[in-house]
Amino acid sequence: MFNKPLSEEELQLIRCTEEVLSNLNEKDNNCVKAAAEYLCRKRLGGVTPLDKIAAKYNAQLICVYKWYERLFQMGFKYPRDWLEYYLEVVRRTYGEAVAREVKRLYDFLKSKGAVEGLKIGGVVAALLYYAARKNNVKYDVVKAAYEFDSYPETVVKNIVLFQWHIYGII
């Protein structure tokens, strides 16, 4: 019969899993496959429980968990990069144009040393304010703070801090 085409999320999951597995000599091990898929699902924002993925590969849960831990120790982390992870959240929620603007502002502020020592979630939530205004997208500081694992007060502080750099006062 006919197979339906894979969605973009499914293709991303397959690419990520293959990338992780290509760095290991355990490609035929179902525990490794399940651990790699779990790691990649987490990177992509998925919430599939580890036990369901283990069952999919007919692997023991403890074996999959141990391999997941080993992958983490080998440097396969979730997320691979917090900025990229948060930009993906912005992309999915607010669109590509807003994500590009957040990235542009982040690069600019980083070049000025303005983001040194600040948590990336609070930085992205604050930059989303400027990017949303530029792209006529509704922005809610409380929603943004919780989306990016920060506090509303921190986001407001960052918005004020960044305005000096963004508008050329500093």
C-alpha atoms as a PDB file:
ATOM      1  CA  MET A   1       0.000   0.000   0.000  1.00  0.00           C
ATOM      2  CA  PHE A   2       0.880   3.672   0.014  1.00  0.00           C
ATOM      3  CA  ASN A   3       2.850   5.162   2.866  1.00  0.00           C
ATOM      4  CA  LYS A   4       1.999   8.680   3.907  1.00  0.00           C
ATOM      5  CA  PRO A   5       4.898  11.132   3.725  1.00  0.00           C
ATOM      6  CA  LEU A   6       6.756  11.824   6.951  1.00  0.00           C
ATOM      7  CA  SER A   7       6.123  15.110   8.747  1.00  0.00           C
ATOM      8  CA  GLU A   8       8.939  17.600   9.302  1.00  0.00           C
ATOM      9  CA  GLU A   9       9.063  16.634  13.006  1.00  0.00           C
ATOM     10  CA  GLU A  10       9.403  12.940  12.129  1.00  0.00           C
ATOM     11  CA  LEU A  11      12.202  13.734   9.683  1.00  0.00           C
ATOM     12  CA  GLN A  12      14.006  15.821  12.324  1.00  0.00           C
ATOM     13  CA  LEU A  13      13.687  12.953  14.805  1.00  0.00           C
ATOM     14  CA  ILE A  14      15.107  10.466  12.297  1.00  0.00           C
ATOM     15  CA  ARG A  15      18.017  12.778  11.399  1.00  0.00           C
ATOM     16  CA  CYS A  16      18.842  13.445  15.049  1.00  0.00           C
ATOM     17  CA  THR A  17      18.680   9.755  15.989  1.00  0.00           C
ATOM     18  CA  GLU A  18      20.880   8.789  13.040  1.00  0.00           C
ATOM     19  CA  GLU A  19      23.379  11.507  13.997  1.00  0.00           C
ATOM     20  CA  VAL A  20      23.661  10.139  17.540  1.00  0.00           C
ATOM     21  CA  LEU A  21      23.900   6.518  16.363  1.00  0.00           C
ATOM     22  CA  SER A  22      26.507   7.334  13.707  1.00  0.00           C
ATOM     23  CA  ASN A  23      28.949   8.225  16.497  1.00  0.00           C
ATOM     24  CA  LEU A  24      28.608   4.843  18.217  1.00  0.00           C
ATOM     25  CA  ASN A  25      29.586   1.273  17.394  1.00  0.00           C
ATOM     26  CA  GLU A  26      26.363  -0.087  18.907  1.00  0.00           C
ATOM     27  CA  LYS A  27      23.982   0.531  15.982  1.00  0.00           C
ATOM     28  CA  ASP A  28      22.278  -2.865  16.286  1.00  0.00           C
ATOM     29  CA  ASN A  29      21.670  -2.536  20.020  1.00  0.00           C
ATOM     30  CA  ASN A  30      17.981  -1.787  20.681  1.00  0.00           C
ATOM     31  CA  CYS A  31      18.784  -0.155  24.032  1.00  0.00           C
ATOM     32  CA  VAL A  32      21.054   2.350  22.294  1.00  0.00           C
ATOM     33  CA  LYS A  33      18.466   3.032  19.589  1.00  0.00           C
ATOM     34  CA  ALA A  34      15.788   3.678  22.204  1.00  0.00           C
ATOM     35  CA  ALA A  35      18.093   5.911  24.272  1.00  0.00           C
ATOM     36  CA  ALA A  36      19.074   7.908  21.161  1.00  0.00           C
ATOM     37  CA  GLU A  37      15.436   8.356  20.164  1.00  0.00           C
ATOM     38  CA  TYR A  38      14.511   9.476  23.688  1.00  0.00           C
ATOM     39  CA  LEU A  39      17.348  12.020  23.714  1.00  0.00           C
ATOM     40  CA  CYS A  40      16.295  13.336  20.307  1.00  0.00           C
ATOM     41  CA  ARG A  41      12.628  13.531  21.258  1.00  0.00           C
ATOM     42  CA  LYS A  42      13.616  15.636  24.272  1.00  0.00           C
ATOM     43  CA  ARG A  43      15.746  17.887  22.062  1.00  0.00           C
ATOM     44  CA  LEU A  44      12.765  18.408  19.771  1.00  0.00           C
ATOM     45  CA  GLY A  45      10.426  19.191  22.664  1.00  0.00           C
ATOM     46  CA  GLY A  46       8.694  15.821  22.757  1.00  0.00           C
ATOM     47  CA  VAL A  47       7.193  14.294  25.868  1.00  0.00           C
ATOM     48  CA  THR A  48       7.104  10.591  25.003  1.00  0.00           C
ATOM     49  CA  PRO A  49       7.934   8.619  28.176  1.00  0.00           C
ATOM     50  CA  LEU A  50      11.076   6.516  28.210  1.00  0.00           C
ATOM     51  CA  ASP A  51       9.137   3.320  28.944  1.00  0.00           C
ATOM     52  CA  LYS A  52       7.040   3.701  25.767  1.00  0.00           C
ATOM     53  CA  ILE A  53      10.136   4.191  23.636  1.00  0.00           C
ATOM     54  CA  ALA A  54      11.796   1.179  25.303  1.00  0.00           C
ATOM     55  CA  ALA A  55       8.707  -0.920  24.507  1.00  0.00           C
ATOM     56  CA  LYS A  56       8.782   0.286  20.883  1.00  0.00           C
ATOM     57  CA  TYR A  57      12.301  -1.153  20.544  1.00  0.00           C
ATOM     58  CA  ASN A  58      11.536  -4.217  22.681  1.00  0.00           C
ATOM     59  CA  ALA A  59      14.274  -3.174  25.110  1.00  0.00           C
ATOM     60  CA  GLN A  60      14.428  -3.319  28.891  1.00  0.00           C
ATOM     61  CA  LEU A  61      13.767   0.024  30.548  1.00  0.00           C
ATOM     62  CA  ILE A  62      16.814  -0.144  32.834  1.00  0.00           C
ATOM     63  CA  CYS A  63      19.065  -0.904  29.861  1.00  0.00           C
ATOM     64  CA  VAL A  64      17.696   2.098  27.928  1.00  0.00           C
ATOM     65  CA  TYR A  65      18.085   4.350  30.945  1.00  0.00           C
ATOM     66  CA  LYS A  66      21.715   3.282  31.431  1.00  0.00           C
ATOM     67  CA  TRP A  67      22.456   3.988  27.769  1.00  0.00           C
ATOM     68  CA  TYR A  68      20.726   7.369  28.004  1.00  0.00           C
ATOM     69  CA  GLU A  69      22.951   8.186  30.984  1.00  0.00           C
ATOM     70  CA  ARG A  70      26.025   6.989  29.069  1.00  0.00           C
ATOM     71  CA  LEU A  71      25.080   9.126  26.044  1.00  0.00           C
ATOM     72  CA  PHE A  72      24.809  12.148  28.322  1.00  0.00           C
ATOM     73  CA  GLN A  73      28.257  11.416  29.792  1.00  0.00           C
ATOM     74  CA  MET A  74      29.641  11.107  26.251  1.00  0.00           C
ATOM     75  CA  GLY A  75      28.452  14.629  25.474  1.00  0.00           C
ATOM     76  CA  PHE A  76      25.106  13.956  23.794  1.00  0.00           C
ATOM     77  CA  LYS A  77      23.116  16.438  25.757  1.00  0.00           C
ATOM     78  CA  TYR A  78      19.573  17.689  25.701  1.00  0.00           C
ATOM     79  CA  PRO A  79      19.327  20.305  24.550  1.00  0.00           C
ATOM     80  CA  ARG A  80      22.545  20.461  22.626  1.00  0.00           C
ATOM     81  CA  ASP A  81      22.562  24.260  22.876  1.00  0.00           C
ATOM     82  CA  TRP A  82      20.137  26.283  25.019  1.00  0.00           C
ATOM     83  CA  LEU A  83      20.079  29.215  22.586  1.00  0.00           C
ATOM     84  CA  GLU A  84      19.185  26.931  19.685  1.00  0.00           C
ATOM     85  CA  TYR A  85      16.577  25.202  21.822  1.00  0.00           C
ATOM     86  CA  TYR A  86      14.918  28.484  22.807  1.00  0.00           C
ATOM     87  CA  LEU A  87      15.123  29.803  19.238  1.00  0.00           C
ATOM     88  CA  GLU A  88      13.284  26.688  18.119  1.00  0.00           C
ATOM     89  CA  VAL A  89      10.582  27.431  20.706  1.00  0.00           C
ATOM     90  CA  VAL A  90      10.344  31.002  19.362  1.00  0.00           C
ATOM     91  CA  ARG A  91      10.184  29.659  15.794  1.00  0.00           C
ATOM     92  CA  ARG A  92       7.337  27.270  16.612  1.00  0.00           C
ATOM     93  CA  THR A  93       5.346  29.767  18.687  1.00  0.00           C
ATOM     94  CA  TYR A  94       5.996  33.134  17.034  1.00  0.00           C
ATOM     95  CA  GLY A  95       7.321  32.350  13.552  1.00  0.00           C
ATOM     96  CA  GLU A  96      10.558  32.387  11.622  1.00  0.00           C
ATOM     97  CA  ALA A  97      10.824  36.189  11.273  1.00  0.00           C
ATOM     98  CA  VAL A  98      10.617  36.700  15.039  1.00  0.00           C
ATOM     99  CA  ALA A  99      13.188  33.939  15.652  1.00  0.00           C
ATOM    100  CA  ARG A 100      15.597  35.528  13.157  1.00  0.00           C
ATOM    101  CA  GLU A 101      15.208  38.908  14.862  1.00  0.00           C
ATOM    102  CA  VAL A 102      15.819  37.391  18.314  1.00  0.00           C
ATOM    103  CA  LYS A 103      18.985  35.722  16.973  1.00  0.00           C
ATOM    104  CA  ARG A 104      20.159  38.960  15.326  1.00  0.00           C
ATOM    105  CA  LEU A 105      19.623  40.913  18.562  1.00  0.00           C
ATOM    106  CA  TYR A 106      21.320  38.195  20.613  1.00  0.00           C
ATOM    107  CA  ASP A 107      24.391  38.242  18.358  1.00  0.00           C
ATOM    108  CA  PHE A 108      24.514  42.052  18.555  1.00  0.00           C
ATOM    109  CA  LEU A 109      24.238  42.110  22.357  1.00  0.00           C
ATOM    110  CA  LYS A 110      26.762  39.305  22.711  1.00  0.00           C
ATOM    111  CA  SER A 111      29.260  41.301  20.646  1.00  0.00           C
ATOM    112  CA  LYS A 112      28.775  44.186  23.115  1.00  0.00           C
ATOM    113  CA  GLY A 113      29.219  41.874  26.124  1.00  0.00           C
ATOM    114  CA  ALA A 114      25.696  42.678  27.326  1.00  0.00           C
ATOM    115  CA  VAL A 115      24.587  39.061  27.858  1.00  0.00           C
ATOM    116  CA  GLU A 116      27.619  37.944  29.871  1.00  0.00           C
ATOM    117  CA  GLY A 117      26.535  36.129  33.019  1.00  0.00           C
ATOM    118  CA  LEU A 118      22.814  36.231  32.216  1.00  0.00           C
ATOM    119  CA  LYS A 119      20.680  33.111  31.934  1.00  0.00           C
ATOM    120  CA  ILE A 120      19.838  32.441  28.318  1.00  0.00           C
ATOM    121  CA  GLY A 121      16.105  31.927  28.974  1.00  0.00           C
ATOM    122  CA  GLY A 122      15.685  35.396  30.456  1.00  0.00           C
ATOM    123  CA  VAL A 123      17.733  36.896  27.635  1.00  0.00           C
ATOM    124  CA  VAL A 124      15.621  35.254  24.916  1.00  0.00           C
ATOM    125  CA  ALA A 125      12.367  36.199  26.673  1.00  0.00           C
ATOM    126  CA  ALA A 126      13.514  39.834  26.810  1.00  0.00           C
ATOM    127  CA  LEU A 127      14.706  39.870  23.203  1.00  0.00           C
ATOM    128  CA  LEU A 128      11.374  38.412  22.193  1.00  0.00           C
ATOM    129  CA  TYR A 129       9.828  41.688  23.391  1.00  0.00           C
ATOM    130  CA  TYR A 130      11.810  43.691  20.824  1.00  0.00           C
ATOM    131  CA  ALA A 131      11.386  41.121  18.049  1.00  0.00           C
ATOM    132  CA  ALA A 132       7.633  40.847  18.652  1.00  0.00           C
ATOM    133  CA  ARG A 133       7.234  44.646  18.530  1.00  0.00           C
ATOM    134  CA  LYS A 134       9.170  44.837  15.265  1.00  0.00           C
ATOM    135  CA  ASN A 135       7.045  42.074  13.695  1.00  0.00           C
ATOM    136  CA  ASN A 136       3.676  43.223  15.155  1.00  0.00           C
ATOM    137  CA  VAL A 137       3.256  40.063  17.204  1.00  0.00           C
ATOM    138  CA  LYS A 138       1.448  40.052  20.559  1.00  0.00           C
ATOM    139  CA  TYR A 139       3.846  39.824  23.487  1.00  0.00           C
ATOM    140  CA  ASP A 140       3.067  38.973  27.108  1.00  0.00           C
ATOM    141  CA  VAL A 141       5.979  39.278  29.539  1.00  0.00           C
ATOM    142  CA  VAL A 142       4.537  36.741  31.993  1.00  0.00           C
ATOM    143  CA  LYS A 143       3.879  34.158  29.266  1.00  0.00           C
ATOM    144  CA  ALA A 144       7.343  34.735  27.784  1.00  0.00           C
ATOM    145  CA  ALA A 145       8.987  34.381  31.192  1.00  0.00           C
ATOM    146  CA  TYR A 146       7.374  31.014  31.825  1.00  0.00           C
ATOM    147  CA  GLU A 147       7.963  29.808  28.263  1.00  0.00           C
ATOM    148  CA  PHE A 148      11.668  30.424  28.688  1.00  0.00           C
ATOM    149  CA  ASP A 149      12.105  29.249  32.274  1.00  0.00           C
ATOM    150  CA  SER A 150      12.566  32.675  33.817  1.00  0.00           C
ATOM    151  CA  TYR A 151      10.789  35.142  36.108  1.00  0.00           C
ATOM    152  CA  PRO A 152       8.749  38.086  34.794  1.00  0.00           C
ATOM    153  CA  GLU A 153      10.832  40.462  36.924  1.00  0.00           C
ATOM    154  CA  THR A 154      14.027  39.147  35.332  1.00  0.00           C
ATOM    155  CA  VAL A 155      12.607  39.571  31.849  1.00  0.00           C
ATOM    156  CA  VAL A 156      11.526  43.163  32.568  1.00  0.00           C
ATOM    157  CA  LYS A 157      14.981  43.918  34.021  1.00  0.00           C
ATOM    158  CA  ASN A 158      16.622  42.506  30.876  1.00  0.00           C
ATOM    159  CA  ILE A 159      14.294  44.499  28.596  1.00  0.00           C
ATOM    160  CA  VAL A 160      15.359  47.706  30.348  1.00  0.00           C
ATOM    161  CA  LEU A 161      19.031  46.670  30.382  1.00  0.00           C
ATOM    162  CA  PHE A 162      19.053  45.814  26.672  1.00  0.00           C
ATOM    163  CA  GLN A 163      17.292  48.994  25.528  1.00  0.00           C
ATOM    164  CA  TRP A 164      20.464  50.975  26.207  1.00  0.00           C
ATOM    165  CA  HIS A 165      22.417  48.806  23.792  1.00  0.00           C
ATOM    166  CA  ILE A 166      19.684  48.279  21.200  1.00  0.00           C
ATOM    167  CA  TYR A 167      18.846  51.957  20.849  1.00  0.00           C
ATOM    168  CA  GLY A 168      22.483  53.022  20.822  1.00  0.00           C
ATOM    169  CA  ILE A 169      22.657  54.867  24.105  1.00  0.00           C
ATOM    170  CA  ILE A 170      25.659  52.809  25.251  1.00  0.00           C
END
